């Protein structure tokens, strides 16, 4: 789903890692958007 939205594997991993450590949504969106 994330790849179809244009995210690279590196960005997806950062999203998953951020979710695992309990990062807030705005932080995760910042990672995804650059």
ModelCIF file with pLDDT and N, C-alpha, C, O atoms, coordinates in Angstrom:
data_MODEL
#
_entry.id   MODEL 
#
_entity.id                         1 
_entity.type                       polymer 
_entity.pdbx_number_of_molecules   1 
#
_entity_poly.entity_id                      1 
_entity_poly.type                           'polypeptide(L)' 
_entity_poly.nstd_linkage                   no 
_entity_poly.nstd_monomer                   no 
_entity_poly.pdbx_seq_one_letter_code       
;(UNK)(UNK)(UNK)(UNK)(UNK)(UNK)(UNK)(UNK)(UNK)(UNK)(UNK)(UNK)(UNK)(UNK)(UNK)(UNK)
(UNK)(UNK)(UNK)(UNK)(UNK)(UNK)(UNK)(UNK)(UNK)(UNK)(UNK)(UNK)(UNK)(UNK)(UNK)(UNK)
(UNK)(UNK)
;
_entity_poly.pdbx_seq_one_letter_code_can   XXXXXXXXXXXXXXXXXXXXXXXXXXXXXXXXXX 
_entity_poly.pdbx_strand_id                 A 
#
loop_
_entity_poly_seq.entity_id 
_entity_poly_seq.num 
_entity_poly_seq.mon_id 
_entity_poly_seq.hetero 
1 1  UNK n 
1 2  UNK n 
1 3  UNK n 
1 4  UNK n 
1 5  UNK n 
1 6  UNK n 
1 7  UNK n 
1 8  UNK n 
1 9  UNK n 
1 10 UNK n 
1 11 UNK n 
1 12 UNK n 
1 13 UNK n 
1 14 UNK n 
1 15 UNK n 
1 16 UNK n 
1 17 UNK n 
1 18 UNK n 
1 19 UNK n 
1 20 UNK n 
1 21 UNK n 
1 22 UNK n 
1 23 UNK n 
1 24 UNK n 
1 25 UNK n 
1 26 UNK n 
1 27 UNK n 
1 28 UNK n 
1 29 UNK n 
1 30 UNK n 
1 31 UNK n 
1 32 UNK n 
1 33 UNK n 
1 34 UNK n 
#
_struct_asym.id          A 
_struct_asym.entity_id   1 
#
loop_
_ma_qa_metric.id 
_ma_qa_metric.mode 
_ma_qa_metric.name 
_ma_qa_metric.software_group_id 
_ma_qa_metric.type 
1 global pLDDT . pLDDT 
2 local  pLDDT . pLDDT 
#
_ma_qa_metric_global.metric_id      1 
_ma_qa_metric_global.metric_value   65.94 
_ma_qa_metric_global.model_id       1 
_ma_qa_metric_global.ordinal_id     1 
#
loop_
_ma_qa_metric_local.label_asym_id 
_ma_qa_metric_local.label_comp_id 
_ma_qa_metric_local.label_seq_id 
_ma_qa_metric_local.metric_id 
_ma_qa_metric_local.metric_value 
_ma_qa_metric_local.model_id 
_ma_qa_metric_local.ordinal_id 
A UNK 1  2 78.00 1 1  
A UNK 2  2 77.00 1 2  
A UNK 3  2 77.00 1 3  
A UNK 4  2 72.00 1 4  
A UNK 5  2 67.00 1 5  
A UNK 6  2 65.00 1 6  
A UNK 7  2 71.00 1 7  
A UNK 8  2 75.00 1 8  
A UNK 9  2 81.00 1 9  
A UNK 10 2 79.00 1 10 
A UNK 11 2 76.00 1 11 
A UNK 12 2 81.00 1 12 
A UNK 13 2 82.00 1 13 
A UNK 14 2 77.00 1 14 
A UNK 15 2 77.00 1 15 
A UNK 16 2 80.00 1 16 
A UNK 17 2 78.00 1 17 
A UNK 18 2 70.00 1 18 
A UNK 19 2 66.00 1 19 
A UNK 20 2 69.00 1 20 
A UNK 21 2 66.00 1 21 
A UNK 22 2 63.00 1 22 
A UNK 23 2 57.00 1 23 
A UNK 24 2 52.00 1 24 
A UNK 25 2 46.00 1 25 
A UNK 26 2 48.00 1 26 
A UNK 27 2 52.00 1 27 
A UNK 28 2 52.00 1 28 
A UNK 29 2 51.00 1 29 
A UNK 30 2 52.00 1 30 
A UNK 31 2 50.00 1 31 
A UNK 32 2 51.00 1 32 
A UNK 33 2 52.00 1 33 
A UNK 34 2 52.00 1 34 
#
loop_
_atom_site.group_PDB 
_atom_site.id 
_atom_site.type_symbol 
_atom_site.label_atom_id 
_atom_site.label_alt_id 
_atom_site.label_comp_id 
_atom_site.label_asym_id 
_atom_site.label_entity_id 
_atom_site.label_seq_id 
_atom_site.pdbx_PDB_ins_code 
_atom_site.Cartn_x 
_atom_site.Cartn_y 
_atom_site.Cartn_z 
_atom_site.occupancy 
_atom_site.B_iso_or_equiv 
_atom_site.pdbx_formal_charge 
_atom_site.auth_seq_id 
_atom_site.auth_comp_id 
_atom_site.auth_asym_id 
_atom_site.auth_atom_id 
_atom_site.pdbx_PDB_model_num 
ATOM 1   N N  . UNK A 1 1  ? 0.824  -1.206 0.000  1.00 78.00 ? 1  UNK A N  1 
ATOM 2   C CA . UNK A 1 1  ? 0.000  0.000  0.000  1.00 78.00 ? 1  UNK A CA 1 
ATOM 3   C C  . UNK A 1 1  ? 0.861  1.259  0.000  1.00 78.00 ? 1  UNK A C  1 
ATOM 4   O O  . UNK A 1 1  ? 0.576  2.207  -0.732 1.00 78.00 ? 1  UNK A O  1 
ATOM 5   N N  . UNK A 1 2  ? 1.917  1.272  0.822  1.00 77.00 ? 2  UNK A N  1 
ATOM 6   C CA . UNK A 1 2  ? 2.789  2.445  0.893  1.00 77.00 ? 2  UNK A CA 1 
ATOM 7   C C  . UNK A 1 2  ? 3.584  2.623  -0.392 1.00 77.00 ? 2  UNK A C  1 
ATOM 8   O O  . UNK A 1 2  ? 3.803  3.752  -0.829 1.00 77.00 ? 2  UNK A O  1 
ATOM 9   N N  . UNK A 1 3  ? 4.021  1.519  -1.006 1.00 77.00 ? 3  UNK A N  1 
ATOM 10  C CA . UNK A 1 3  ? 4.742  1.627  -2.267 1.00 77.00 ? 3  UNK A CA 1 
ATOM 11  C C  . UNK A 1 3  ? 3.854  2.217  -3.353 1.00 77.00 ? 3  UNK A C  1 
ATOM 12  O O  . UNK A 1 3  ? 4.317  3.022  -4.161 1.00 77.00 ? 3  UNK A O  1 
ATOM 13  N N  . UNK A 1 4  ? 2.597  1.830  -3.384 1.00 72.00 ? 4  UNK A N  1 
ATOM 14  C CA . UNK A 1 4  ? 1.682  2.375  -4.392 1.00 72.00 ? 4  UNK A CA 1 
ATOM 15  C C  . UNK A 1 4  ? 1.459  3.862  -4.177 1.00 72.00 ? 4  UNK A C  1 
ATOM 16  O O  . UNK A 1 4  ? 1.091  4.576  -5.110 1.00 72.00 ? 4  UNK A O  1 
ATOM 17  N N  . UNK A 1 5  ? 1.677  4.332  -2.966 1.00 67.00 ? 5  UNK A N  1 
ATOM 18  C CA . UNK A 1 5  ? 1.536  5.767  -2.684 1.00 67.00 ? 5  UNK A CA 1 
ATOM 19  C C  . UNK A 1 5  ? 2.843  6.513  -2.926 1.00 67.00 ? 5  UNK A C  1 
ATOM 20  O O  . UNK A 1 5  ? 2.919  7.722  -2.706 1.00 67.00 ? 5  UNK A O  1 
ATOM 21  N N  . UNK A 1 6  ? 3.877  5.793  -3.381 1.00 65.00 ? 6  UNK A N  1 
ATOM 22  C CA . UNK A 1 6  ? 5.109  6.453  -3.782 1.00 65.00 ? 6  UNK A CA 1 
ATOM 23  C C  . UNK A 1 6  ? 6.238  6.419  -2.783 1.00 65.00 ? 6  UNK A C  1 
ATOM 24  O O  . UNK A 1 6  ? 7.275  7.040  -3.016 1.00 65.00 ? 6  UNK A O  1 
ATOM 25  N N  . UNK A 1 7  ? 6.072  5.700  -1.652 1.00 71.00 ? 7  UNK A N  1 
ATOM 26  C CA . UNK A 1 7  ? 7.130  5.653  -0.647 1.00 71.00 ? 7  UNK A CA 1 
ATOM 27  C C  . UNK A 1 7  ? 8.198  4.631  -1.031 1.00 71.00 ? 7  UNK A C  1 
ATOM 28  O O  . UNK A 1 7  ? 7.885  3.550  -1.529 1.00 71.00 ? 7  UNK A O  1 
ATOM 29  N N  . UNK A 1 8  ? 9.456  4.985  -0.794 1.00 75.00 ? 8  UNK A N  1 
ATOM 30  C CA . UNK A 1 8  ? 10.554 4.068  -1.035 1.00 75.00 ? 8  UNK A CA 1 
ATOM 31  C C  . UNK A 1 8  ? 10.641 3.065  0.109  1.00 75.00 ? 8  UNK A C  1 
ATOM 32  O O  . UNK A 1 8  ? 10.023 3.258  1.156  1.00 75.00 ? 8  UNK A O  1 
ATOM 33  N N  . UNK A 1 9  ? 11.411 1.990  -0.090 1.00 81.00 ? 9  UNK A N  1 
ATOM 34  C CA . UNK A 1 9  ? 11.580 1.006  0.972  1.00 81.00 ? 9  UNK A CA 1 
ATOM 35  C C  . UNK A 1 9  ? 12.246 1.628  2.193  1.00 81.00 ? 9  UNK A C  1 
ATOM 36  O O  . UNK A 1 9  ? 11.913 1.286  3.328  1.00 81.00 ? 9  UNK A O  1 
ATOM 37  N N  . UNK A 1 10 ? 13.191 2.545  1.960  1.00 79.00 ? 10 UNK A N  1 
ATOM 38  C CA . UNK A 1 10 ? 13.864 3.198  3.085  1.00 79.00 ? 10 UNK A CA 1 
ATOM 39  C C  . UNK A 1 10 ? 12.872 4.011  3.917  1.00 79.00 ? 10 UNK A C  1 
ATOM 40  O O  . UNK A 1 10 ? 12.909 3.973  5.147  1.00 79.00 ? 10 UNK A O  1 
ATOM 41  N N  . UNK A 1 11 ? 11.978 4.752  3.236  1.00 76.00 ? 11 UNK A N  1 
ATOM 42  C CA . UNK A 1 11 ? 10.982 5.549  3.951  1.00 76.00 ? 11 UNK A CA 1 
ATOM 43  C C  . UNK A 1 11 ? 9.992  4.654  4.690  1.00 76.00 ? 11 UNK A C  1 
ATOM 44  O O  . UNK A 1 11 ? 9.562  4.968  5.800  1.00 76.00 ? 11 UNK A O  1 
ATOM 45  N N  . UNK A 1 12 ? 9.635  3.537  4.060  1.00 81.00 ? 12 UNK A N  1 
ATOM 46  C CA . UNK A 1 12 ? 8.699  2.608  4.703  1.00 81.00 ? 12 UNK A CA 1 
ATOM 47  C C  . UNK A 1 12 ? 9.320  2.026  5.959  1.00 81.00 ? 12 UNK A C  1 
ATOM 48  O O  . UNK A 1 12 ? 8.648  1.900  6.982  1.00 81.00 ? 12 UNK A O  1 
ATOM 49  N N  . UNK A 1 13 ? 10.602 1.669  5.893  1.00 82.00 ? 13 UNK A N  1 
ATOM 50  C CA . UNK A 1 13 ? 11.269 1.123  7.076  1.00 82.00 ? 13 UNK A CA 1 
ATOM 51  C C  . UNK A 1 13 ? 11.295 2.138  8.210  1.00 82.00 ? 13 UNK A C  1 
ATOM 52  O O  . UNK A 1 13 ? 11.093 1.783  9.372  1.00 82.00 ? 13 UNK A O  1 
ATOM 53  N N  . UNK A 1 14 ? 11.545 3.406  7.873  1.00 77.00 ? 14 UNK A N  1 
ATOM 54  C CA . UNK A 1 14 ? 11.555 4.443  8.908  1.00 77.00 ? 14 UNK A CA 1 
ATOM 55  C C  . UNK A 1 14 ? 10.168 4.589  9.534  1.00 77.00 ? 14 UNK A C  1 
ATOM 56  O O  . UNK A 1 14 ? 10.042 4.808  10.739 1.00 77.00 ? 14 UNK A O  1 
ATOM 57  N N  . UNK A 1 15 ? 9.131  4.465  8.707  1.00 77.00 ? 15 UNK A N  1 
ATOM 58  C CA . UNK A 1 15 ? 7.770  4.524  9.242  1.00 77.00 ? 15 UNK A CA 1 
ATOM 59  C C  . UNK A 1 15 ? 7.516  3.379  10.217 1.00 77.00 ? 15 UNK A C  1 
ATOM 60  O O  . UNK A 1 15 ? 6.985  3.590  11.307 1.00 77.00 ? 15 UNK A O  1 
ATOM 61  N N  . UNK A 1 16 ? 7.898  2.166  9.818  1.00 80.00 ? 16 UNK A N  1 
ATOM 62  C CA . UNK A 1 16 ? 7.689  1.011  10.685 1.00 80.00 ? 16 UNK A CA 1 
ATOM 63  C C  . UNK A 1 16 ? 8.516  1.124  11.967 1.00 80.00 ? 16 UNK A C  1 
ATOM 64  O O  . UNK A 1 16 ? 8.032  0.828  13.060 1.00 80.00 ? 16 UNK A O  1 
ATOM 65  N N  . UNK A 1 17 ? 9.767  1.555  11.816 1.00 78.00 ? 17 UNK A N  1 
ATOM 66  C CA . UNK A 1 17 ? 10.628 1.703  12.998 1.00 78.00 ? 17 UNK A CA 1 
ATOM 67  C C  . UNK A 1 17 ? 10.079 2.762  13.940 1.00 78.00 ? 17 UNK A C  1 
ATOM 68  O O  . UNK A 1 17 ? 10.105 2.603  15.161 1.00 78.00 ? 17 UNK A O  1 
ATOM 69  N N  . UNK A 1 18 ? 9.574  3.860  13.343 1.00 70.00 ? 18 UNK A N  1 
ATOM 70  C CA . UNK A 1 18 ? 9.002  4.914  14.171 1.00 70.00 ? 18 UNK A CA 1 
ATOM 71  C C  . UNK A 1 18 ? 7.766  4.448  14.907 1.00 70.00 ? 18 UNK A C  1 
ATOM 72  O O  . UNK A 1 18 ? 7.567  4.779  16.076 1.00 70.00 ? 18 UNK A O  1 
ATOM 73  N N  . UNK A 1 19 ? 6.930  3.674  14.217 1.00 66.00 ? 19 UNK A N  1 
ATOM 74  C CA . UNK A 1 19 ? 5.731  3.140  14.864 1.00 66.00 ? 19 UNK A CA 1 
ATOM 75  C C  . UNK A 1 19 ? 6.104  2.205  16.006 1.00 66.00 ? 19 UNK A C  1 
ATOM 76  O O  . UNK A 1 19 ? 5.453  2.205  17.051 1.00 66.00 ? 19 UNK A O  1 
ATOM 77  N N  . UNK A 1 20 ? 7.154  1.405  15.807 1.00 69.00 ? 20 UNK A N  1 
ATOM 78  C CA . UNK A 1 20 ? 7.572  0.452  16.837 1.00 69.00 ? 20 UNK A CA 1 
ATOM 79  C C  . UNK A 1 20 ? 8.062  1.170  18.095 1.00 69.00 ? 20 UNK A C  1 
ATOM 80  O O  . UNK A 1 20 ? 7.828  0.705  19.211 1.00 69.00 ? 20 UNK A O  1 
ATOM 81  N N  . UNK A 1 21 ? 8.737  2.298  17.913 1.00 66.00 ? 21 UNK A N  1 
ATOM 82  C CA . UNK A 1 21 ? 9.262  3.002  19.087 1.00 66.00 ? 21 UNK A CA 1 
ATOM 83  C C  . UNK A 1 21 ? 8.248  3.995  19.656 1.00 66.00 ? 21 UNK A C  1 
ATOM 84  O O  . UNK A 1 21 ? 8.550  4.719  20.604 1.00 66.00 ? 21 UNK A O  1 
ATOM 85  N N  . UNK A 1 22 ? 7.038  4.026  19.072 1.00 63.00 ? 22 UNK A N  1 
ATOM 86  C CA . UNK A 1 22 ? 5.978  4.854  19.618 1.00 63.00 ? 22 UNK A CA 1 
ATOM 87  C C  . UNK A 1 22 ? 6.012  6.298  19.178 1.00 63.00 ? 22 UNK A C  1 
ATOM 88  O O  . UNK A 1 22 ? 5.539  7.177  19.899 1.00 63.00 ? 22 UNK A O  1 
ATOM 89  N N  . UNK A 1 23 ? 6.573  6.564  17.984 1.00 57.00 ? 23 UNK A N  1 
ATOM 90  C CA . UNK A 1 23 ? 6.647  7.940  17.502 1.00 57.00 ? 23 UNK A CA 1 
ATOM 91  C C  . UNK A 1 23 ? 5.252  8.484  17.221 1.00 57.00 ? 23 UNK A C  1 
ATOM 92  O O  . UNK A 1 23 ? 4.340  7.731  16.881 1.00 57.00 ? 23 UNK A O  1 
ATOM 93  N N  . UNK A 1 24 ? 5.093  9.803  17.366 1.00 52.00 ? 24 UNK A N  1 
ATOM 94  C CA . UNK A 1 24 ? 3.814  10.443 17.098 1.00 52.00 ? 24 UNK A CA 1 
ATOM 95  C C  . UNK A 1 24 ? 3.569  10.510 15.595 1.00 52.00 ? 24 UNK A C  1 
ATOM 96  O O  . UNK A 1 24 ? 4.496  10.405 14.791 1.00 52.00 ? 24 UNK A O  1 
ATOM 97  N N  . UNK A 1 25 ? 2.300  10.686 15.236 1.00 46.00 ? 25 UNK A N  1 
ATOM 98  C CA . UNK A 1 25 ? 1.916  10.701 13.836 1.00 46.00 ? 25 UNK A CA 1 
ATOM 99  C C  . UNK A 1 25 ? 2.615  11.810 13.067 1.00 46.00 ? 25 UNK A C  1 
ATOM 100 O O  . UNK A 1 25 ? 3.054  11.587 11.939 1.00 46.00 ? 25 UNK A O  1 
ATOM 101 N N  . UNK A 1 26 ? 2.732  13.017 13.655 1.00 48.00 ? 26 UNK A N  1 
ATOM 102 C CA . UNK A 1 26 ? 3.361  14.107 12.923 1.00 48.00 ? 26 UNK A CA 1 
ATOM 103 C C  . UNK A 1 26 ? 4.824  13.809 12.640 1.00 48.00 ? 26 UNK A C  1 
ATOM 104 O O  . UNK A 1 26 ? 5.353  14.215 11.605 1.00 48.00 ? 26 UNK A O  1 
ATOM 105 N N  . UNK A 1 27 ? 5.485  13.098 13.557 1.00 52.00 ? 27 UNK A N  1 
ATOM 106 C CA . UNK A 1 27 ? 6.879  12.720 13.316 1.00 52.00 ? 27 UNK A CA 1 
ATOM 107 C C  . UNK A 1 27 ? 6.960  11.715 12.167 1.00 52.00 ? 27 UNK A C  1 
ATOM 108 O O  . UNK A 1 27 ? 7.826  11.822 11.299 1.00 52.00 ? 27 UNK A O  1 
ATOM 109 N N  . UNK A 1 28 ? 6.049  10.739 12.169 1.00 52.00 ? 28 UNK A N  1 
ATOM 110 C CA . UNK A 1 28 ? 6.053  9.734  11.115 1.00 52.00 ? 28 UNK A CA 1 
ATOM 111 C C  . UNK A 1 28 ? 5.768  10.372 9.757  1.00 52.00 ? 28 UNK A C  1 
ATOM 112 O O  . UNK A 1 28 ? 6.387  10.005 8.758  1.00 52.00 ? 28 UNK A O  1 
ATOM 113 N N  . UNK A 1 29 ? 4.839  11.320 9.713  1.00 51.00 ? 29 UNK A N  1 
ATOM 114 C CA . UNK A 1 29 ? 4.537  12.001 8.460  1.00 51.00 ? 29 UNK A CA 1 
ATOM 115 C C  . UNK A 1 29 ? 5.731  12.806 7.988  1.00 51.00 ? 29 UNK A C  1 
ATOM 116 O O  . UNK A 1 29 ? 5.968  12.914 6.785  1.00 51.00 ? 29 UNK A O  1 
ATOM 117 N N  . UNK A 1 30 ? 6.473  13.363 8.901  1.00 52.00 ? 30 UNK A N  1 
ATOM 118 C CA . UNK A 1 30 ? 7.682  14.099 8.532  1.00 52.00 ? 30 UNK A CA 1 
ATOM 119 C C  . UNK A 1 30 ? 8.704  13.193 7.892  1.00 52.00 ? 30 UNK A C  1 
ATOM 120 O O  . UNK A 1 30 ? 9.378  13.587 6.940  1.00 52.00 ? 30 UNK A O  1 
ATOM 121 N N  . UNK A 1 31 ? 8.831  11.959 8.413  1.00 50.00 ? 31 UNK A N  1 
ATOM 122 C CA . UNK A 1 31 ? 9.746  10.991 7.826  1.00 50.00 ? 31 UNK A CA 1 
ATOM 123 C C  . UNK A 1 31 ? 9.288  10.625 6.427  1.00 50.00 ? 31 UNK A C  1 
ATOM 124 O O  . UNK A 1 31 ? 10.095 10.560 5.499  1.00 50.00 ? 31 UNK A O  1 
ATOM 125 N N  . UNK A 1 32 ? 7.985  10.384 6.275  1.00 51.00 ? 32 UNK A N  1 
ATOM 126 C CA . UNK A 1 32 ? 7.477  9.935  4.982  1.00 51.00 ? 32 UNK A CA 1 
ATOM 127 C C  . UNK A 1 32 ? 7.595  11.014 3.922  1.00 51.00 ? 32 UNK A C  1 
ATOM 128 O O  . UNK A 1 32 ? 7.831  10.711 2.752  1.00 51.00 ? 32 UNK A O  1 
ATOM 129 N N  . UNK A 1 33 ? 7.436  12.263 4.313  1.00 52.00 ? 33 UNK A N  1 
ATOM 130 C CA . UNK A 1 33 ? 7.427  13.342 3.340  1.00 52.00 ? 33 UNK A CA 1 
ATOM 131 C C  . UNK A 1 33 ? 8.821  13.889 3.067  1.00 52.00 ? 33 UNK A C  1 
ATOM 132 O O  . UNK A 1 33 ? 8.982  14.758 2.210  1.00 52.00 ? 33 UNK A O  1 
ATOM 133 N N  . UNK A 1 34 ? 9.823  13.402 3.771  1.00 52.00 ? 34 UNK A N  1 
ATOM 134 C CA . UNK A 1 34 ? 11.167 13.896 3.573  1.00 52.00 ? 34 UNK A CA 1 
ATOM 135 C C  . UNK A 1 34 ? 11.617 14.723 4.758  1.00 52.00 ? 34 UNK A C  1 
ATOM 136 O O  . UNK A 1 34 ? 12.739 15.229 4.768  1.00 52.00 ? 34 UNK A O  1 
#
